[in-house]
Amino acid sequence: MIENVKFNEQGLIPAIAQDYRDGTILMMAWMNSESIQKTLDTGEAHYWSRSRSHLWHKGTTDGHIQKVKEFFYDCDGDTILLKIEQIGDITCHSGARSCVFNAVEILPTKS
């Protein structure tokens, strides 16, 4: 499967974590070939930290691991979608269920 995805110049690919039960987008992180393989081998999400430049197992420090139920890549092979069971129901380091919570108002356009 790893040979079917397209990594960027840094050897990374964006990965979206989605709740497998209700479809909520929980977070986006980066994966490299090592984190993909570790995720496939263990059934738990592993990502690549760009800021710390190392592999991280989601939930190691807080116990909020992600059990991978389904693993997809898109038609272009440049994005991964992990359908996961979020243990503890907290994904974000801020304590929120989802990292995607900053709403932007869309103003109606005039015709």
PDB file of N, CA and C in Angstrom:
ATOM      1  N   MET A   1       0.823  -1.189   0.000  1.00  0.00           N
ATOM      2  CA  MET A   1       0.000   0.000   0.000  1.00  0.00           C
ATOM      3  C   MET A   1       0.868   1.254   0.000  1.00  0.00           C
ATOM      4  N   ILE A   2       1.974   1.239   0.720  1.00  0.00           N
ATOM      5  CA  ILE A   2       2.822   2.433   0.844  1.00  0.00           C
ATOM      6  C   ILE A   2       3.336   2.899  -0.515  1.00  0.00           C
ATOM      7  N   GLU A   3       3.573   1.986  -1.436  1.00  0.00           N
ATOM      8  CA  GLU A   3       4.055   2.378  -2.762  1.00  0.00           C
ATOM      9  C   GLU A   3       2.974   3.069  -3.593  1.00  0.00           C
ATOM     10  N   ASN A   4       1.724   3.035  -3.141  1.00  0.00           N
ATOM     11  CA  ASN A   4       0.619   3.664  -3.867  1.00  0.00           C
ATOM     12  C   ASN A   4       0.341   5.099  -3.449  1.00  0.00           C
ATOM     13  N   VAL A   5       1.011   5.581  -2.390  1.00  0.00           N
ATOM     14  CA  VAL A   5       0.764   6.951  -1.948  1.00  0.00           C
ATOM     15  C   VAL A   5       1.907   7.860  -2.379  1.00  0.00           C
ATOM     16  N   LYS A   6       1.580   9.150  -2.494  1.00  0.00           N
ATOM     17  CA  LYS A   6       2.538  10.149  -2.947  1.00  0.00           C
ATOM     18  C   LYS A   6       2.927  11.045  -1.781  1.00  0.00           C
ATOM     19  N   PHE A   7       4.164  10.931  -1.377  1.00  0.00           N
ATOM     20  CA  PHE A   7       4.696  11.759  -0.302  1.00  0.00           C
ATOM     21  C   PHE A   7       5.178  13.085  -0.873  1.00  0.00           C
ATOM     22  N   ASN A   8       5.158  14.139  -0.053  1.00  0.00           N
ATOM     23  CA  ASN A   8       5.678  15.431  -0.494  1.00  0.00           C
ATOM     24  C   ASN A   8       7.208  15.416  -0.439  1.00  0.00           C
ATOM     25  N   GLU A   9       7.815  16.567  -0.683  1.00  0.00           N
ATOM     26  CA  GLU A   9       9.273  16.673  -0.743  1.00  0.00           C
ATOM     27  C   GLU A   9       9.948  16.301   0.574  1.00  0.00           C
ATOM     28  N   GLN A  10       9.216  16.424   1.685  1.00  0.00           N
ATOM     29  CA  GLN A  10       9.754  16.075   3.004  1.00  0.00           C
ATOM     30  C   GLN A  10       9.479  14.608   3.360  1.00  0.00           C
ATOM     31  N   GLY A  11       8.870  13.866   2.429  1.00  0.00           N
ATOM     32  CA  GLY A  11       8.560  12.463   2.691  1.00  0.00           C
ATOM     33  C   GLY A  11       7.315  12.269   3.533  1.00  0.00           C
ATOM     34  N   LEU A  12       6.422  13.270   3.509  1.00  0.00           N
ATOM     35  CA  LEU A  12       5.219  13.252   4.342  1.00  0.00           C
ATOM     36  C   LEU A  12       3.955  13.274   3.502  1.00  0.00           C
ATOM     37  N   ILE A  13       2.864  12.825   4.121  1.00  0.00           N
ATOM     38  CA  ILE A  13       1.551  12.849   3.491  1.00  0.00           C
ATOM     39  C   ILE A  13       0.536  13.245   4.567  1.00  0.00           C
ATOM     40  N   PRO A  14      -0.431  14.133   4.239  1.00  0.00           N
ATOM     41  CA  PRO A  14      -1.434  14.498   5.246  1.00  0.00           C
ATOM     42  C   PRO A  14      -2.363  13.326   5.534  1.00  0.00           C
ATOM     43  N   ALA A  15      -2.716  13.207   6.821  1.00  0.00           N
ATOM     44  CA  ALA A  15      -3.623  12.147   7.261  1.00  0.00           C
ATOM     45  C   ALA A  15      -4.743  12.769   8.089  1.00  0.00           C
ATOM     46  N   ILE A  16      -5.959  12.478   7.708  1.00  0.00           N
ATOM     47  CA  ILE A  16      -7.135  12.967   8.411  1.00  0.00           C
ATOM     48  C   ILE A  16      -7.673  11.834   9.274  1.00  0.00           C
ATOM     49  N   ALA A  17      -7.922  12.132  10.549  1.00  0.00           N
ATOM     50  CA  ALA A  17      -8.524  11.156  11.460  1.00  0.00           C
ATOM     51  C   ALA A  17     -10.003  11.514  11.607  1.00  0.00           C
ATOM     52  N   GLN A  18     -10.855  10.536  11.334  1.00  0.00           N
ATOM     53  CA  GLN A  18     -12.303  10.727  11.357  1.00  0.00           C
ATOM     54  C   GLN A  18     -12.924   9.685  12.272  1.00  0.00           C
ATOM     55  N   ASP A  19     -13.890  10.098  13.090  1.00  0.00           N
ATOM     56  CA  ASP A  19     -14.602   9.159  13.950  1.00  0.00           C
ATOM     57  C   ASP A  19     -15.360   8.167  13.079  1.00  0.00           C
ATOM     58  N   TYR A  20     -15.103   6.887  13.260  1.00  0.00           N
ATOM     59  CA  TYR A  20     -15.714   5.869  12.400  1.00  0.00           C
ATOM     60  C   TYR A  20     -17.204   5.711  12.659  1.00  0.00           C
ATOM     61  N   ARG A  21     -17.690   6.167  13.822  1.00  0.00           N
ATOM     62  CA  ARG A  21     -19.114   6.025  14.139  1.00  0.00           C
ATOM     63  C   ARG A  21     -19.971   7.154  13.585  1.00  0.00           C
ATOM     64  N   ASP A  22     -19.550   8.401  13.798  1.00  0.00           N
ATOM     65  CA  ASP A  22     -20.424   9.517  13.413  1.00  0.00           C
ATOM     66  C   ASP A  22     -19.848  10.414  12.319  1.00  0.00           C
ATOM     67  N   GLY A  23     -18.638  10.125  11.842  1.00  0.00           N
ATOM     68  CA  GLY A  23     -18.067  10.871  10.726  1.00  0.00           C
ATOM     69  C   GLY A  23     -17.403  12.186  11.091  1.00  0.00           C
ATOM     70  N   THR A  24     -17.351  12.538  12.366  1.00  0.00           N
ATOM     71  CA  THR A  24     -16.716  13.784  12.772  1.00  0.00           C
ATOM     72  C   THR A  24     -15.233  13.777  12.404  1.00  0.00           C
ATOM     73  N   ILE A  25     -14.775  14.866  11.770  1.00  0.00           N
ATOM     74  CA  ILE A  25     -13.349  15.031  11.504  1.00  0.00           C
ATOM     75  C   ILE A  25     -12.703  15.435  12.826  1.00  0.00           C
ATOM     76  N   LEU A  26     -11.751  14.648  13.283  1.00  0.00           N
ATOM     77  CA  LEU A  26     -11.145  14.875  14.591  1.00  0.00           C
ATOM     78  C   LEU A  26      -9.817  15.630  14.523  1.00  0.00           C
ATOM     79  N   MET A  27      -9.024  15.352  13.511  1.00  0.00           N
ATOM     80  CA  MET A  27      -7.730  16.021  13.416  1.00  0.00           C
ATOM     81  C   MET A  27      -7.089  15.756  12.070  1.00  0.00           C
ATOM     82  N   MET A  28      -6.053  16.513  11.774  1.00  0.00           N
ATOM     83  CA  MET A  28      -5.180  16.267  10.624  1.00  0.00           C
ATOM     84  C   MET A  28      -3.759  16.276  11.166  1.00  0.00           C
ATOM     85  N   ALA A  29      -2.988  15.300  10.729  1.00  0.00           N
ATOM     86  CA  ALA A  29      -1.581  15.220  11.107  1.00  0.00           C
ATOM     87  C   ALA A  29      -0.804  14.716   9.900  1.00  0.00           C
ATOM     88  N   TRP A  30       0.486  14.563  10.058  1.00  0.00           N
ATOM     89  CA  TRP A  30       1.340  14.095   8.973  1.00  0.00           C
ATOM     90  C   TRP A  30       1.816  12.676   9.248  1.00  0.00           C
ATOM     91  N   MET A  31       1.964  11.910   8.172  1.00  0.00           N
ATOM     92  CA  MET A  31       2.509  10.567   8.264  1.00  0.00           C
ATOM     93  C   MET A  31       3.665  10.440   7.279  1.00  0.00           C
ATOM     94  N   ASN A  32       4.615   9.582   7.618  1.00  0.00           N
ATOM     95  CA  ASN A  32       5.666   9.196   6.679  1.00  0.00           C
ATOM     96  C   ASN A  32       5.559   7.681   6.499  1.00  0.00           C
ATOM     97  N   SER A  33       6.450   7.091   5.748  1.00  0.00           N
ATOM     98  CA  SER A  33       6.334   5.651   5.495  1.00  0.00           C
ATOM     99  C   SER A  33       6.462   4.844   6.788  1.00  0.00           C
ATOM    100  N   GLU A  34       7.313   5.291   7.706  1.00  0.00           N
ATOM    101  CA  GLU A  34       7.478   4.589   8.978  1.00  0.00           C
ATOM    102  C   GLU A  34       6.200   4.628   9.818  1.00  0.00           C
ATOM    103  N   SER A  35       5.562   5.799   9.902  1.00  0.00           N
ATOM    104  CA  SER A  35       4.347   5.905  10.708  1.00  0.00           C
ATOM    105  C   SER A  35       3.191   5.132  10.074  1.00  0.00           C
ATOM    106  N   ILE A  36       3.134   5.107   8.754  1.00  0.00           N
ATOM    107  CA  ILE A  36       2.111   4.301   8.072  1.00  0.00           C
ATOM    108  C   ILE A  36       2.311   2.824   8.406  1.00  0.00           C
ATOM    109  N   GLN A  37       3.544   2.350   8.288  1.00  0.00           N
ATOM    110  CA  GLN A  37       3.815   0.939   8.566  1.00  0.00           C
ATOM    111  C   GLN A  37       3.504   0.590  10.015  1.00  0.00           C
ATOM    112  N   LYS A  38       3.891   1.461  10.933  1.00  0.00           N
ATOM    113  CA  LYS A  38       3.635   1.233  12.364  1.00  0.00           C
ATOM    114  C   LYS A  38       2.127   1.209  12.632  1.00  0.00           C
ATOM    115  N   THR A  39       1.378   2.083  11.982  1.00  0.00           N
ATOM    116  CA  THR A  39      -0.073   2.112  12.128  1.00  0.00           C
ATOM    117  C   THR A  39      -0.686   0.809  11.618  1.00  0.00           C
ATOM    118  N   LEU A  40      -0.254   0.370  10.450  1.00  0.00           N
ATOM    119  CA  LEU A  40      -0.774  -0.877   9.883  1.00  0.00           C
ATOM    120  C   LEU A  40      -0.393  -2.088  10.740  1.00  0.00           C
ATOM    121  N   ASP A  41       0.806  -2.075  11.305  1.00  0.00           N
ATOM    122  CA  ASP A  41       1.271  -3.202  12.116  1.00  0.00           C
ATOM    123  C   ASP A  41       0.567  -3.303  13.468  1.00  0.00           C
ATOM    124  N   THR A  42       0.242  -2.139  14.070  1.00  0.00           N
ATOM    125  CA  THR A  42      -0.304  -2.134  15.432  1.00  0.00           C
ATOM    126  C   THR A  42      -1.810  -1.930  15.507  1.00  0.00           C
ATOM    127  N   GLY A  43      -2.393  -1.337  14.452  1.00  0.00           N
ATOM    128  CA  GLY A  43      -3.820  -1.015  14.499  1.00  0.00           C
ATOM    129  C   GLY A  43      -4.122   0.244  15.298  1.00  0.00           C
ATOM    130  N   GLU A  44      -3.082   0.975  15.677  1.00  0.00           N
ATOM    131  CA  GLU A  44      -3.240   2.246  16.378  1.00  0.00           C
ATOM    132  C   GLU A  44      -2.485   3.325  15.612  1.00  0.00           C
ATOM    133  N   ALA A  45      -3.028   4.550  15.634  1.00  0.00           N
ATOM    134  CA  ALA A  45      -2.470   5.634  14.831  1.00  0.00           C
ATOM    135  C   ALA A  45      -1.110   6.089  15.342  1.00  0.00           C
ATOM    136  N   HIS A  46      -0.179   6.192  14.402  1.00  0.00           N
ATOM    137  CA  HIS A  46       1.151   6.758  14.619  1.00  0.00           C
ATOM    138  C   HIS A  46       1.340   7.851  13.573  1.00  0.00           C
ATOM    139  N   TYR A  47       1.911   8.954  13.974  1.00  0.00           N
ATOM    140  CA  TYR A  47       2.101  10.088  13.077  1.00  0.00           C
ATOM    141  C   TYR A  47       3.560  10.543  13.130  1.00  0.00           C
ATOM    142  N   TRP A  48       3.907  11.470  12.230  1.00  0.00           N
ATOM    143  CA  TRP A  48       5.220  12.080  12.226  1.00  0.00           C
ATOM    144  C   TRP A  48       5.077  13.510  12.717  1.00  0.00           C
ATOM    145  N   SER A  49       5.792  13.851  13.762  1.00  0.00           N
ATOM    146  CA  SER A  49       5.780  15.210  14.298  1.00  0.00           C
ATOM    147  C   SER A  49       6.784  16.052  13.530  1.00  0.00           C
ATOM    148  N   ARG A  50       6.289  17.046  12.812  1.00  0.00           N
ATOM    149  CA  ARG A  50       7.201  17.933  12.086  1.00  0.00           C
ATOM    150  C   ARG A  50       7.974  18.828  13.034  1.00  0.00           C
ATOM    151  N   SER A  51       7.340  19.266  14.116  1.00  0.00           N
ATOM    152  CA  SER A  51       8.015  20.182  15.038  1.00  0.00           C
ATOM    153  C   SER A  51       9.094  19.475  15.857  1.00  0.00           C
ATOM    154  N   ARG A  52       8.886  18.208  16.197  1.00  0.00           N
ATOM    155  CA  ARG A  52       9.868  17.469  17.003  1.00  0.00           C
ATOM    156  C   ARG A  52      10.711  16.510  16.161  1.00  0.00           C
ATOM    157  N   SER A  53      10.355  16.365  14.897  1.00  0.00           N
ATOM    158  CA  SER A  53      11.067  15.485  13.960  1.00  0.00           C
ATOM    159  C   SER A  53      11.209  14.054  14.479  1.00  0.00           C
ATOM    160  N   HIS A  54      10.076  13.507  14.940  1.00  0.00           N
ATOM    161  CA  HIS A  54      10.101  12.099  15.336  1.00  0.00           C
ATOM    162  C   HIS A  54       8.701  11.482  15.259  1.00  0.00           C
ATOM    163  N   LEU A  55       8.697  10.176  15.256  1.00  0.00           N
ATOM    164  CA  LEU A  55       7.467   9.393  15.227  1.00  0.00           C
ATOM    165  C   LEU A  55       6.751   9.532  16.564  1.00  0.00           C
ATOM    166  N   TRP A  56       5.420   9.664  16.520  1.00  0.00           N
ATOM    167  CA  TRP A  56       4.668   9.675  17.778  1.00  0.00           C
ATOM    168  C   TRP A  56       3.423   8.812  17.678  1.00  0.00           C
ATOM    169  N   HIS A  57       3.190   8.073  18.738  1.00  0.00           N
ATOM    170  CA  HIS A  57       2.025   7.215  18.883  1.00  0.00           C
ATOM    171  C   HIS A  57       0.954   8.050  19.556  1.00  0.00           C
ATOM    172  N   LYS A  58      -0.125   8.333  18.832  1.00  0.00           N
ATOM    173  CA  LYS A  58      -1.179   9.199  19.372  1.00  0.00           C
ATOM    174  C   LYS A  58      -1.718   8.599  20.666  1.00  0.00           C
ATOM    175  N   GLY A  59      -1.664   9.382  21.736  1.00  0.00           N
ATOM    176  CA  GLY A  59      -2.196   8.958  23.021  1.00  0.00           C
ATOM    177  C   GLY A  59      -1.171   8.420  24.000  1.00  0.00           C
ATOM    178  N   THR A  60       0.095   8.362  23.609  1.00  0.00           N
ATOM    179  CA  THR A  60       1.120   7.832  24.513  1.00  0.00           C
ATOM    180  C   THR A  60       1.172   8.602  25.825  1.00  0.00           C
ATOM    181  N   THR A  61       1.087   9.924  25.754  1.00  0.00           N
ATOM    182  CA  THR A  61       1.219  10.719  26.976  1.00  0.00           C
ATOM    183  C   THR A  61      -0.098  10.928  27.713  1.00  0.00           C
ATOM    184  N   ASP A  62      -1.223  10.968  26.994  1.00  0.00           N
ATOM    185  CA  ASP A  62      -2.500  11.260  27.660  1.00  0.00           C
ATOM    186  C   ASP A  62      -3.476  10.080  27.704  1.00  0.00           C
ATOM    187  N   GLY A  63      -3.123   8.974  27.071  1.00  0.00           N
ATOM    188  CA  GLY A  63      -4.000   7.801  27.083  1.00  0.00           C
ATOM    189  C   GLY A  63      -5.107   7.822  26.051  1.00  0.00           C
ATOM    190  N   HIS A  64      -5.221   8.894  25.279  1.00  0.00           N
ATOM    191  CA  HIS A  64      -6.284   9.037  24.283  1.00  0.00           C
ATOM    192  C   HIS A  64      -5.819   8.492  22.932  1.00  0.00           C
ATOM    193  N   ILE A  65      -5.630   7.194  22.874  1.00  0.00           N
ATOM    194  CA  ILE A  65      -5.138   6.567  21.650  1.00  0.00           C
ATOM    195  C   ILE A  65      -6.224   6.500  20.581  1.00  0.00           C
ATOM    196  N   GLN A  66      -5.795   6.250  19.363  1.00  0.00           N
ATOM    197  CA  GLN A  66      -6.711   6.109  18.233  1.00  0.00           C
ATOM    198  C   GLN A  66      -6.591   4.691  17.681  1.00  0.00           C
ATOM    199  N   LYS A  67      -7.653   3.925  17.836  1.00  0.00           N
ATOM    200  CA  LYS A  67      -7.698   2.578  17.267  1.00  0.00           C
ATOM    201  C   LYS A  67      -8.216   2.693  15.845  1.00  0.00           C
ATOM    202  N   VAL A  68      -7.423   2.252  14.895  1.00  0.00           N
ATOM    203  CA  VAL A  68      -7.771   2.397  13.483  1.00  0.00           C
ATOM    204  C   VAL A  68      -8.734   1.282  13.080  1.00  0.00           C
ATOM    205  N   LYS A  69      -9.900   1.694  12.601  1.00  0.00           N
ATOM    206  CA  LYS A  69     -10.923   0.756  12.135  1.00  0.00           C
ATOM    207  C   LYS A  69     -10.845   0.546  10.628  1.00  0.00           C
ATOM    208  N   GLU A  70     -10.523   1.634   9.898  1.00  0.00           N
ATOM    209  CA  GLU A  70     -10.390   1.570   8.440  1.00  0.00           C
ATOM    210  C   GLU A  70      -9.294   2.533   8.012  1.00  0.00           C
ATOM    211  N   PHE A  71      -8.612   2.192   6.920  1.00  0.00           N
ATOM    212  CA  PHE A  71      -7.484   2.979   6.418  1.00  0.00           C
ATOM    213  C   PHE A  71      -7.711   3.161   4.919  1.00  0.00           C
ATOM    214  N   PHE A  72      -7.772   4.409   4.462  1.00  0.00           N
ATOM    215  CA  PHE A  72      -7.999   4.722   3.056  1.00  0.00           C
ATOM    216  C   PHE A  72      -6.938   5.694   2.560  1.00  0.00           C
ATOM    217  N   TYR A  73      -6.732   5.717   1.264  1.00  0.00           N
ATOM    218  CA  TYR A  73      -6.029   6.832   0.635  1.00  0.00           C
ATOM    219  C   TYR A  73      -6.893   7.286  -0.530  1.00  0.00           C
ATOM    220  N   ASP A  74      -6.760   8.564  -0.895  1.00  0.00           N
ATOM    221  CA  ASP A  74      -7.660   9.136  -1.896  1.00  0.00           C
ATOM    222  C   ASP A  74      -7.260   8.737  -3.318  1.00  0.00           C
ATOM    223  N   CYS A  75      -8.071   9.179  -4.288  1.00  0.00           N
ATOM    224  CA  CYS A  75      -7.895   8.796  -5.689  1.00  0.00           C
ATOM    225  C   CYS A  75      -6.547   9.227  -6.259  1.00  0.00           C
ATOM    226  N   ASP A  76      -5.991  10.329  -5.758  1.00  0.00           N
ATOM    227  CA  ASP A  76      -4.685  10.806  -6.223  1.00  0.00           C
ATOM    228  C   ASP A  76      -3.533  10.204  -5.431  1.00  0.00           C
ATOM    229  N   GLY A  77      -3.845   9.537  -4.335  1.00  0.00           N
ATOM    230  CA  GLY A  77      -2.805   8.947  -3.503  1.00  0.00           C
ATOM    231  C   GLY A  77      -2.021   9.954  -2.686  1.00  0.00           C
ATOM    232  N   ASP A  78      -2.593  11.175  -2.505  1.00  0.00           N
ATOM    233  CA  ASP A  78      -1.835  12.188  -1.783  1.00  0.00           C
ATOM    234  C   ASP A  78      -2.460  12.612  -0.453  1.00  0.00           C
ATOM    235  N   THR A  79      -3.451  11.868   0.007  1.00  0.00           N
ATOM    236  CA  THR A  79      -4.067  12.114   1.306  1.00  0.00           C
ATOM    237  C   THR A  79      -4.536  10.789   1.889  1.00  0.00           C
ATOM    238  N   ILE A  80      -4.364  10.650   3.195  1.00  0.00           N
ATOM    239  CA  ILE A  80      -4.799   9.443   3.901  1.00  0.00           C
ATOM    240  C   ILE A  80      -5.993   9.797   4.774  1.00  0.00           C
ATOM    241  N   LEU A  81      -6.917   8.863   4.877  1.00  0.00           N
ATOM    242  CA  LEU A  81      -8.055   8.989   5.784  1.00  0.00           C
ATOM    243  C   LEU A  81      -8.043   7.785   6.712  1.00  0.00           C
ATOM    244  N   LEU A  82      -7.954   8.070   8.011  1.00  0.00           N
ATOM    245  CA  LEU A  82      -8.046   7.024   9.022  1.00  0.00           C
ATOM    246  C   LEU A  82      -9.400   7.132   9.701  1.00  0.00           C
ATOM    247  N   LYS A  83     -10.190   6.083   9.628  1.00  0.00           N
ATOM    248  CA  LYS A  83     -11.439   6.044  10.383  1.00  0.00           C
ATOM    249  C   LYS A  83     -11.104   5.347  11.684  1.00  0.00           C
ATOM    250  N   ILE A  84     -11.278   6.091  12.778  1.00  0.00           N
ATOM    251  CA  ILE A  84     -10.729   5.633  14.052  1.00  0.00           C
ATOM    252  C   ILE A  84     -11.770   5.625  15.162  1.00  0.00           C
ATOM    253  N   GLU A  85     -11.459   4.842  16.180  1.00  0.00           N
ATOM    254  CA  GLU A  85     -12.170   4.907  17.455  1.00  0.00           C
ATOM    255  C   GLU A  85     -11.268   5.701  18.382  1.00  0.00           C
ATOM    256  N   GLN A  86     -11.737   6.867  18.810  1.00  0.00           N
ATOM    257  CA  GLN A  86     -10.950   7.729  19.689  1.00  0.00           C
ATOM    258  C   GLN A  86     -11.191   7.302  21.131  1.00  0.00           C
ATOM    259  N   ILE A  87     -10.196   6.745  21.763  1.00  0.00           N
ATOM    260  CA  ILE A  87     -10.321   6.320  23.150  1.00  0.00           C
ATOM    261  C   ILE A  87     -10.286   7.557  24.046  1.00  0.00           C
ATOM    262  N   GLY A  88     -11.263   7.665  24.945  1.00  0.00           N
ATOM    263  CA  GLY A  88     -11.343   8.818  25.833  1.00  0.00           C
ATOM    264  C   GLY A  88     -12.113   9.980  25.230  1.00  0.00           C
ATOM    265  N   ASP A  89     -12.470   9.887  23.951  1.00  0.00           N
ATOM    266  CA  ASP A  89     -13.257  10.894  23.250  1.00  0.00           C
ATOM    267  C   ASP A  89     -12.614  12.280  23.235  1.00  0.00           C
ATOM    268  N   ILE A  90     -11.291  12.354  23.438  1.00  0.00           N
ATOM    269  CA  ILE A  90     -10.569  13.627  23.336  1.00  0.00           C
ATOM    270  C   ILE A  90      -9.446  13.426  22.329  1.00  0.00           C
ATOM    271  N   THR A  91      -9.437  14.273  21.292  1.00  0.00           N
ATOM    272  CA  THR A  91      -8.392  14.201  20.281  1.00  0.00           C
ATOM    273  C   THR A  91      -7.393  15.331  20.434  1.00  0.00           C
ATOM    274  N   CYS A  92      -7.888  16.525  20.661  1.00  0.00           N
ATOM    275  CA  CYS A  92      -7.059  17.731  20.628  1.00  0.00           C
ATOM    276  C   CYS A  92      -6.271  17.932  21.911  1.00  0.00           C
ATOM    277  N   HIS A  93      -5.042  18.454  21.772  1.00  0.00           N
ATOM    278  CA  HIS A  93      -4.229  18.773  22.940  1.00  0.00           C
ATOM    279  C   HIS A  93      -4.874  19.842  23.809  1.00  0.00           C
ATOM    280  N   SER A  94      -5.879  20.561  23.251  1.00  0.00           N
ATOM    281  CA  SER A  94      -6.585  21.581  24.021  1.00  0.00           C
ATOM    282  C   SER A  94      -7.640  20.970  24.946  1.00  0.00           C
ATOM    283  N   GLY A  95      -7.876  19.667  24.802  1.00  0.00           N
ATOM    284  CA  GLY A  95      -8.893  18.994  25.610  1.00  0.00           C
ATOM    285  C   GLY A  95     -10.224  18.824  24.897  1.00  0.00           C
ATOM    286  N   ALA A  96     -10.311  19.324  23.667  1.00  0.00           N
ATOM    287  CA  ALA A  96     -11.547  19.219  22.892  1.00  0.00           C
ATOM    288  C   ALA A  96     -11.643  17.860  22.203  1.00  0.00           C
ATOM    289  N   ARG A  97     -12.868  17.479  21.867  1.00  0.00           N
ATOM    290  CA  ARG A  97     -13.070  16.223  21.153  1.00  0.00           C
ATOM    291  C   ARG A  97     -12.378  16.257  19.796  1.00  0.00           C
ATOM    292  N   SER A  98     -12.516  17.378  19.084  1.00  0.00           N
ATOM    293  CA  SER A  98     -11.943  17.540  17.751  1.00  0.00           C
ATOM    294  C   SER A  98     -11.012  18.742  17.740  1.00  0.00           C
ATOM    295  N   CYS A  99      -9.970  18.664  16.937  1.00  0.00           N
ATOM    296  CA  CYS A  99      -9.083  19.813  16.752  1.00  0.00           C
ATOM    297  C   CYS A  99      -9.702  20.854  15.816  1.00  0.00           C
ATOM    298  N   VAL A 100     -10.765  20.470  15.141  1.00  0.00           N
ATOM    299  CA  VAL A 100     -11.386  21.341  14.134  1.00  0.00           C
ATOM    300  C   VAL A 100     -12.625  21.988  14.763  1.00  0.00           C
ATOM    301  N   PHE A 101     -12.406  23.150  15.414  1.00  0.00           N
ATOM    302  CA  PHE A 101     -13.521  23.803  16.098  1.00  0.00           C
ATOM    303  C   PHE A 101     -13.557  25.317  15.924  1.00  0.00           C
ATOM    304  N   ASN A 102     -12.645  25.875  15.165  1.00  0.00           N
ATOM    305  CA  ASN A 102     -12.614  27.322  14.945  1.00  0.00           C
ATOM    306  C   ASN A 102     -13.463  27.676  13.721  1.00  0.00           C
ATOM    307  N   ALA A 103     -14.689  28.098  13.971  1.00  0.00           N
ATOM    308  CA  ALA A 103     -15.624  28.412  12.888  1.00  0.00           C
ATOM    309  C   ALA A 103     -15.324  29.786  12.294  1.00  0.00           C
ATOM    310  N   VAL A 104     -15.513  29.898  11.001  1.00  0.00           N
ATOM    311  CA  VAL A 104     -15.362  31.159  10.280  1.00  0.00           C
ATOM    312  C   VAL A 104     -16.713  31.486   9.651  1.00  0.00           C
ATOM    313  N   GLU A 105     -17.174  32.717   9.875  1.00  0.00           N
ATOM    314  CA  GLU A 105     -18.465  33.129   9.329  1.00  0.00           C
ATOM    315  C   GLU A 105     -18.337  33.341   7.818  1.00  0.00           C
ATOM    316  N   ILE A 106     -19.273  32.778   7.096  1.00  0.00           N
ATOM    317  CA  ILE A 106     -19.342  32.961   5.638  1.00  0.00           C
ATOM    318  C   ILE A 106     -20.461  33.954   5.356  1.00  0.00           C
ATOM    319  N   LEU A 107     -20.086  35.087   4.785  1.00  0.00           N
ATOM    320  CA  LEU A 107     -21.077  36.114   4.483  1.00  0.00           C
ATOM    321  C   LEU A 107     -21.749  35.800   3.158  1.00  0.00           C
ATOM    322  N   PRO A 108     -23.053  36.029   3.101  1.00  0.00           N
ATOM    323  CA  PRO A 108     -23.752  35.766   1.822  1.00  0.00           C
ATOM    324  C   PRO A 108     -23.223  36.691   0.723  1.00  0.00           C
ATOM    325  N   THR A 109     -23.130  36.167  -0.483  1.00  0.00           N
ATOM    326  CA  THR A 109     -22.692  36.985  -1.600  1.00  0.00           C
ATOM    327  C   THR A 109     -23.892  37.652  -2.240  1.00  0.00           C
ATOM    328  N   LYS A 110     -23.644  38.796  -2.814  1.00  0.00           N
ATOM    329  CA  LYS A 110     -24.708  39.527  -3.500  1.00  0.00           C
ATOM    330  C   LYS A 110     -24.713  39.111  -4.959  1.00  0.00           C
ATOM    331  N   SER A 111     -25.895  38.876  -5.484  1.00  0.00           N
ATOM    332  CA  SER A 111     -26.019  38.453  -6.890  1.00  0.00           C
ATOM    333  C   SER A 111     -25.988  39.629  -7.818  1.00  0.00           C
TER     334      SER A 111
END
